[in-house]
Amino acid sequence: MKLKAGVLTVALSLILAGTVVASQTFEIDVSHASIGFTVDHLVISKVRGDFRDFTGTVELDEQGAVQQVSSVIEVRSIDTGIQDRDDHLRGTDFFDVENYPQISFKSKNVLHEGGKNVLIGDLTIRGVTKEIAFPFAIKGPVKGPYGKTHIGFEARTVINRKDYGLNWNKIMETGGLVVGEEIEIVINLEAIKI
């Protein structure tokens, strides 16, 4: 019985080792990637912004299925096109970049259901970590003009900013909020195999 258990342990170790060796890691190519968001403003329009400085990796198995995704965003790089608004977002009313300089995401599970792919992972903003679901799509892989292997990764989801302590707001005379609570996150990445 002990011999069978030992053989089974060795076999499982070899299978897992083979899986790790067969996986492929891709690094985000920031020059061909965007992490953006939109939020309602005055209940009548949307404001769009981007983060310009971020890093991350996407790991695929040997069949090209996503195993793991992780990313770190430098919050100071927020850009909505209006300097005063960006400074306000960096301040204590919103992201408080002096105390919380980064946003991070690390996947924990990947679901493949009904032809759709969903990343389940931990999103940390302003020191608060919440599990979220990110529906996503992968394109490629393809060989780039310099012989490197590239993939495309697209994802979007909606979060409530108040879940992460981003509570600042003002109520208008009509009762609506100056800044909406729901934030749509839109990610378009190109990543290169390393």
C-alpha atoms as a PDB file:
ATOM      1  CA  MET A   1       0.000   0.000   0.000  1.00  0.00           C
ATOM      2  CA  LYS A   2       2.843   2.396   0.863  1.00  0.00           C
ATOM      3  CA  LEU A   3       4.525   1.560  -2.446  1.00  0.00           C
ATOM      4  CA  LYS A   4       1.359   2.449  -4.393  1.00  0.00           C
ATOM      5  CA  ALA A   5       1.019   5.744  -2.497  1.00  0.00           C
ATOM      6  CA  GLY A   6       4.671   6.555  -3.192  1.00  0.00           C
ATOM      7  CA  VAL A   7       4.313   5.791  -6.909  1.00  0.00           C
ATOM      8  CA  LEU A   8       1.158   7.927  -7.056  1.00  0.00           C
ATOM      9  CA  THR A   9       2.935  10.835  -5.345  1.00  0.00           C
ATOM     10  CA  VAL A  10       5.861  10.648  -7.786  1.00  0.00           C
ATOM     11  CA  ALA A  11       3.481  10.439 -10.760  1.00  0.00           C
ATOM     12  CA  LEU A  12       1.505  13.476  -9.590  1.00  0.00           C
ATOM     13  CA  SER A  13       4.725  15.420  -9.012  1.00  0.00           C
ATOM     14  CA  LEU A  14       5.905  14.653 -12.549  1.00  0.00           C
ATOM     15  CA  ILE A  15       2.552  15.676 -14.024  1.00  0.00           C
ATOM     16  CA  LEU A  16       2.553  18.958 -12.100  1.00  0.00           C
ATOM     17  CA  ALA A  17       6.191  19.612 -12.987  1.00  0.00           C
ATOM     18  CA  GLY A  18       5.377  18.996 -16.657  1.00  0.00           C
ATOM     19  CA  THR A  19       2.491  21.450 -16.450  1.00  0.00           C
ATOM     20  CA  VAL A  20       4.709  24.153 -14.974  1.00  0.00           C
ATOM     21  CA  VAL A  21       7.393  23.599 -17.618  1.00  0.00           C
ATOM     22  CA  ALA A  22       4.786  23.695 -20.403  1.00  0.00           C
ATOM     23  CA  SER A  23       3.245  26.993 -19.311  1.00  0.00           C
ATOM     24  CA  GLN A  24       4.101  30.174 -21.175  1.00  0.00           C
ATOM     25  CA  THR A  25       4.548  33.591 -19.580  1.00  0.00           C
ATOM     26  CA  PHE A  26       3.747  36.790 -21.466  1.00  0.00           C
ATOM     27  CA  GLU A  27       4.725  40.247 -20.248  1.00  0.00           C
ATOM     28  CA  ILE A  28       2.484  43.253 -20.906  1.00  0.00           C
ATOM     29  CA  ASP A  29       3.812  45.518 -23.665  1.00  0.00           C
ATOM     30  CA  VAL A  30       2.811  48.916 -22.242  1.00  0.00           C
ATOM     31  CA  SER A  31       3.389  50.639 -25.589  1.00  0.00           C
ATOM     32  CA  HIS A  32       0.529  48.549 -27.020  1.00  0.00           C
ATOM     33  CA  ALA A  33      -1.772  48.356 -24.001  1.00  0.00           C
ATOM     34  CA  SER A  34      -4.333  50.402 -22.109  1.00  0.00           C
ATOM     35  CA  ILE A  35      -6.027  50.215 -18.732  1.00  0.00           C
ATOM     36  CA  GLY A  36      -8.905  52.658 -18.697  1.00  0.00           C
ATOM     37  CA  PHE A  37     -12.099  53.494 -16.869  1.00  0.00           C
ATOM     38  CA  THR A  38     -15.319  55.450 -17.286  1.00  0.00           C
ATOM     39  CA  VAL A  39     -17.556  56.972 -14.636  1.00  0.00           C
ATOM     40  CA  ASP A  40     -20.786  58.993 -14.748  1.00  0.00           C
ATOM     41  CA  HIS A  41     -20.488  62.737 -14.185  1.00  0.00           C
ATOM     42  CA  LEU A  42     -23.459  64.892 -13.136  1.00  0.00           C
ATOM     43  CA  VAL A  43     -25.721  61.972 -14.146  1.00  0.00           C
ATOM     44  CA  ILE A  44     -25.693  63.213 -17.746  1.00  0.00           C
ATOM     45  CA  SER A  45     -22.286  62.269 -19.167  1.00  0.00           C
ATOM     46  CA  LYS A  46     -19.271  60.048 -18.688  1.00  0.00           C
ATOM     47  CA  VAL A  47     -15.667  60.926 -17.894  1.00  0.00           C
ATOM     48  CA  ARG A  48     -12.964  58.639 -19.243  1.00  0.00           C
ATOM     49  CA  GLY A  49      -9.484  58.130 -17.869  1.00  0.00           C
ATOM     50  CA  ASP A  50      -6.445  55.898 -18.195  1.00  0.00           C
ATOM     51  CA  PHE A  51      -3.522  54.708 -16.151  1.00  0.00           C
ATOM     52  CA  ARG A  52      -0.288  55.201 -18.094  1.00  0.00           C
ATOM     53  CA  ASP A  53       2.193  53.254 -15.945  1.00  0.00           C
ATOM     54  CA  PHE A  54       1.610  49.565 -15.232  1.00  0.00           C
ATOM     55  CA  THR A  55       3.249  46.148 -15.428  1.00  0.00           C
ATOM     56  CA  GLY A  56       1.931  42.633 -15.493  1.00  0.00           C
ATOM     57  CA  THR A  57       2.026  39.109 -16.823  1.00  0.00           C
ATOM     58  CA  VAL A  58      -0.357  36.617 -18.407  1.00  0.00           C
ATOM     59  CA  GLU A  59       0.416  32.907 -18.072  1.00  0.00           C
ATOM     60  CA  LEU A  60      -0.982  30.400 -20.557  1.00  0.00           C
ATOM     61  CA  ASP A  61      -0.926  26.612 -20.439  1.00  0.00           C
ATOM     62  CA  GLU A  62       0.323  24.490 -23.346  1.00  0.00           C
ATOM     63  CA  GLN A  63      -3.128  24.637 -25.002  1.00  0.00           C
ATOM     64  CA  GLY A  64      -3.134  28.447 -24.855  1.00  0.00           C
ATOM     65  CA  ALA A  65      -5.673  28.718 -22.023  1.00  0.00           C
ATOM     66  CA  VAL A  66      -5.134  31.416 -19.390  1.00  0.00           C
ATOM     67  CA  GLN A  67      -3.809  30.093 -16.076  1.00  0.00           C
ATOM     68  CA  GLN A  68      -2.858  33.276 -14.229  1.00  0.00           C
ATOM     69  CA  VAL A  69      -2.979  37.052 -14.692  1.00  0.00           C
ATOM     70  CA  SER A  70      -1.369  39.652 -12.462  1.00  0.00           C
ATOM     71  CA  SER A  71      -0.835  43.375 -12.781  1.00  0.00           C
ATOM     72  CA  VAL A  72       0.333  46.383 -10.781  1.00  0.00           C
ATOM     73  CA  ILE A  73      -0.741  49.939 -11.660  1.00  0.00           C
ATOM     74  CA  GLU A  74       1.057  53.062 -10.493  1.00  0.00           C
ATOM     75  CA  VAL A  75      -1.871  55.246  -9.413  1.00  0.00           C
ATOM     76  CA  ARG A  76       0.120  58.475  -9.878  1.00  0.00           C
ATOM     77  CA  SER A  77      -0.058  57.803 -13.635  1.00  0.00           C
ATOM     78  CA  ILE A  78      -3.832  58.472 -13.761  1.00  0.00           C
ATOM     79  CA  ASP A  79      -4.728  60.655 -16.731  1.00  0.00           C
ATOM     80  CA  THR A  80      -8.196  62.045 -17.493  1.00  0.00           C
ATOM     81  CA  GLY A  81      -6.851  64.866 -19.642  1.00  0.00           C
ATOM     82  CA  ILE A  82      -7.529  67.545 -17.000  1.00  0.00           C
ATOM     83  CA  GLN A  83      -4.642  68.284 -14.612  1.00  0.00           C
ATOM     84  CA  ASP A  84      -6.794  69.683 -11.773  1.00  0.00           C
ATOM     85  CA  ARG A  85      -9.079  66.633 -11.869  1.00  0.00           C
ATOM     86  CA  ASP A  86      -6.097  64.257 -11.946  1.00  0.00           C
ATOM     87  CA  ASP A  87      -4.573  66.012  -8.929  1.00  0.00           C
ATOM     88  CA  HIS A  88      -7.892  65.688  -7.084  1.00  0.00           C
ATOM     89  CA  LEU A  89      -8.066  61.973  -7.922  1.00  0.00           C
ATOM     90  CA  ARG A  90      -4.513  61.469  -6.617  1.00  0.00           C
ATOM     91  CA  GLY A  91      -5.364  63.222  -3.339  1.00  0.00           C
ATOM     92  CA  THR A  92      -6.956  61.998  -0.124  1.00  0.00           C
ATOM     93  CA  ASP A  93     -10.544  62.446  -1.406  1.00  0.00           C
ATOM     94  CA  PHE A  94      -9.945  59.568  -3.816  1.00  0.00           C
ATOM     95  CA  PHE A  95      -6.845  57.376  -4.302  1.00  0.00           C
ATOM     96  CA  ASP A  96      -4.533  58.956  -1.689  1.00  0.00           C
ATOM     97  CA  VAL A  97      -1.425  58.021  -3.694  1.00  0.00           C
ATOM     98  CA  GLU A  98       0.970  59.074  -0.933  1.00  0.00           C
ATOM     99  CA  ASN A  99      -0.317  56.217   1.233  1.00  0.00           C
ATOM    100  CA  TYR A 100      -1.613  53.854  -1.470  1.00  0.00           C
ATOM    101  CA  PRO A 101       0.605  54.285  -4.538  1.00  0.00           C
ATOM    102  CA  GLN A 102      -0.467  51.121  -6.353  1.00  0.00           C
ATOM    103  CA  ILE A 103      -3.517  49.219  -7.541  1.00  0.00           C
ATOM    104  CA  SER A 104      -2.993  45.485  -7.973  1.00  0.00           C
ATOM    105  CA  PHE A 105      -4.839  42.527  -9.439  1.00  0.00           C
ATOM    106  CA  LYS A 106      -3.964  38.842  -9.067  1.00  0.00           C
ATOM    107  CA  SER A 107      -6.157  36.107 -10.461  1.00  0.00           C
ATOM    108  CA  LYS A 108      -7.095  33.101  -8.316  1.00  0.00           C
ATOM    109  CA  ASN A 109      -9.185  31.066 -10.722  1.00  0.00           C
ATOM    110  CA  VAL A 110     -10.241  30.947 -14.363  1.00  0.00           C
ATOM    111  CA  LEU A 111     -13.734  29.823 -15.295  1.00  0.00           C
ATOM    112  CA  HIS A 112     -14.688  28.595 -18.768  1.00  0.00           C
ATOM    113  CA  GLU A 113     -18.476  28.442 -18.984  1.00  0.00           C
ATOM    114  CA  GLY A 114     -20.783  28.512 -21.982  1.00  0.00           C
ATOM    115  CA  GLY A 115     -18.055  29.687 -24.345  1.00  0.00           C
ATOM    116  CA  LYS A 116     -17.116  32.558 -22.026  1.00  0.00           C
ATOM    117  CA  ASN A 117     -13.958  33.039 -19.988  1.00  0.00           C
ATOM    118  CA  VAL A 118     -13.971  34.744 -16.598  1.00  0.00           C
ATOM    119  CA  LEU A 119     -11.019  35.604 -14.361  1.00  0.00           C
ATOM    120  CA  ILE A 120     -11.756  35.499 -10.652  1.00  0.00           C
ATOM    121  CA  GLY A 121      -9.199  37.389  -8.625  1.00  0.00           C
ATOM    122  CA  ASP A 122      -8.311  39.924  -5.972  1.00  0.00           C
ATOM    123  CA  LEU A 123      -8.380  43.620  -6.851  1.00  0.00           C
ATOM    124  CA  THR A 124      -6.687  45.895  -4.317  1.00  0.00           C
ATOM    125  CA  ILE A 125      -7.370  49.640  -4.356  1.00  0.00           C
ATOM    126  CA  ARG A 126      -6.500  52.021  -1.546  1.00  0.00           C
ATOM    127  CA  GLY A 127      -5.518  49.122   0.705  1.00  0.00           C
ATOM    128  CA  VAL A 128      -8.868  47.337   0.300  1.00  0.00           C
ATOM    129  CA  THR A 129      -8.925  43.924  -1.400  1.00  0.00           C
ATOM    130  CA  LYS A 130     -12.109  42.529  -2.949  1.00  0.00           C
ATOM    131  CA  GLU A 131     -12.675  39.505  -5.126  1.00  0.00           C
ATOM    132  CA  ILE A 132     -14.011  40.432  -8.558  1.00  0.00           C
ATOM    133  CA  ALA A 133     -14.929  38.700 -11.812  1.00  0.00           C
ATOM    134  CA  PHE A 134     -13.366  39.848 -15.096  1.00  0.00           C
ATOM    135  CA  PRO A 135     -14.914  38.425 -18.290  1.00  0.00           C
ATOM    136  CA  PHE A 136     -12.079  38.271 -20.830  1.00  0.00           C
ATOM    137  CA  ALA A 137     -11.003  37.186 -24.298  1.00  0.00           C
ATOM    138  CA  ILE A 138      -7.615  36.129 -25.645  1.00  0.00           C
ATOM    139  CA  LYS A 139      -6.481  36.739 -29.229  1.00  0.00           C
ATOM    140  CA  GLY A 140      -3.529  34.990 -30.808  1.00  0.00           C
ATOM    141  CA  PRO A 141      -0.855  33.953 -30.320  1.00  0.00           C
ATOM    142  CA  VAL A 142       0.828  35.453 -33.379  1.00  0.00           C
ATOM    143  CA  LYS A 143       4.435  36.010 -34.386  1.00  0.00           C
ATOM    144  CA  GLY A 144       5.367  39.694 -34.455  1.00  0.00           C
ATOM    145  CA  PRO A 145       7.630  41.298 -37.085  1.00  0.00           C
ATOM    146  CA  TYR A 146      10.714  40.673 -34.917  1.00  0.00           C
ATOM    147  CA  GLY A 147      10.001  36.981 -34.333  1.00  0.00           C
ATOM    148  CA  LYS A 148       8.504  37.268 -30.850  1.00  0.00           C
ATOM    149  CA  THR A 149       5.203  35.642 -29.885  1.00  0.00           C
ATOM    150  CA  HIS A 150       2.389  38.077 -28.988  1.00  0.00           C
ATOM    151  CA  ILE A 151      -1.098  37.665 -27.544  1.00  0.00           C
ATOM    152  CA  GLY A 152      -3.973  40.088 -27.116  1.00  0.00           C
ATOM    153  CA  PHE A 153      -6.001  40.211 -23.909  1.00  0.00           C
ATOM    154  CA  GLU A 154      -9.288  42.108 -23.522  1.00  0.00           C
ATOM    155  CA  ALA A 155     -11.353  42.385 -20.356  1.00  0.00           C
ATOM    156  CA  ARG A 156     -13.992  44.606 -18.821  1.00  0.00           C
ATOM    157  CA  THR A 157     -15.955  44.716 -15.619  1.00  0.00           C
ATOM    158  CA  VAL A 158     -17.836  47.127 -13.366  1.00  0.00           C
ATOM    159  CA  ILE A 159     -16.977  47.827  -9.721  1.00  0.00           C
ATOM    160  CA  ASN A 160     -18.452  50.111  -7.082  1.00  0.00           C
ATOM    161  CA  ARG A 161     -15.784  52.619  -6.047  1.00  0.00           C
ATOM    162  CA  LYS A 162     -17.254  52.919  -2.539  1.00  0.00           C
ATOM    163  CA  ASP A 163     -16.344  49.259  -1.928  1.00  0.00           C
ATOM    164  CA  TYR A 164     -12.713  50.456  -2.019  1.00  0.00           C
ATOM    165  CA  GLY A 165     -13.079  53.527   0.187  1.00  0.00           C
ATOM    166  CA  LEU A 166     -13.363  56.025  -2.696  1.00  0.00           C
ATOM    167  CA  ASN A 167     -16.296  57.789  -1.054  1.00  0.00           C
ATOM    168  CA  TRP A 168     -15.981  61.480  -1.977  1.00  0.00           C
ATOM    169  CA  ASN A 169     -19.030  62.975  -3.656  1.00  0.00           C
ATOM    170  CA  LYS A 170     -21.378  65.917  -3.744  1.00  0.00           C
ATOM    171  CA  ILE A 171     -25.136  65.839  -4.160  1.00  0.00           C
ATOM    172  CA  MET A 172     -26.588  68.195  -6.743  1.00  0.00           C
ATOM    173  CA  GLU A 173     -29.745  70.267  -6.238  1.00  0.00           C
ATOM    174  CA  THR A 174     -31.641  67.716  -8.339  1.00  0.00           C
ATOM    175  CA  GLY A 175     -30.523  64.925  -6.002  1.00  0.00           C
ATOM    176  CA  GLY A 176     -28.072  63.278  -8.406  1.00  0.00           C
ATOM    177  CA  LEU A 177     -24.431  62.652  -7.595  1.00  0.00           C
ATOM    178  CA  VAL A 178     -21.562  64.632  -9.110  1.00  0.00           C
ATOM    179  CA  VAL A 179     -19.532  61.411  -9.545  1.00  0.00           C
ATOM    180  CA  GLY A 180     -21.182  58.048 -10.186  1.00  0.00           C
ATOM    181  CA  GLU A 181     -20.459  55.137  -7.890  1.00  0.00           C
ATOM    182  CA  GLU A 182     -20.084  52.494 -10.594  1.00  0.00           C
ATOM    183  CA  ILE A 183     -16.780  52.438 -12.469  1.00  0.00           C
ATOM    184  CA  GLU A 184     -16.409  50.518 -15.720  1.00  0.00           C
ATOM    185  CA  ILE A 185     -12.891  49.148 -16.134  1.00  0.00           C
ATOM    186  CA  VAL A 186     -11.747  48.418 -19.697  1.00  0.00           C
ATOM    187  CA  ILE A 187      -8.488  46.601 -20.382  1.00  0.00           C
ATOM    188  CA  ASN A 188      -6.844  46.055 -23.768  1.00  0.00           C
ATOM    189  CA  LEU A 189      -3.409  44.491 -23.589  1.00  0.00           C
ATOM    190  CA  GLU A 190      -0.812  43.176 -25.933  1.00  0.00           C
ATOM    191  CA  ALA A 191       1.703  40.901 -24.232  1.00  0.00           C
ATOM    192  CA  ILE A 192       4.967  39.353 -25.445  1.00  0.00           C
ATOM    193  CA  LYS A 193       6.257  35.901 -24.551  1.00  0.00           C
ATOM    194  CA  ILE A 194       9.302  36.021 -22.285  1.00  0.00           C
END
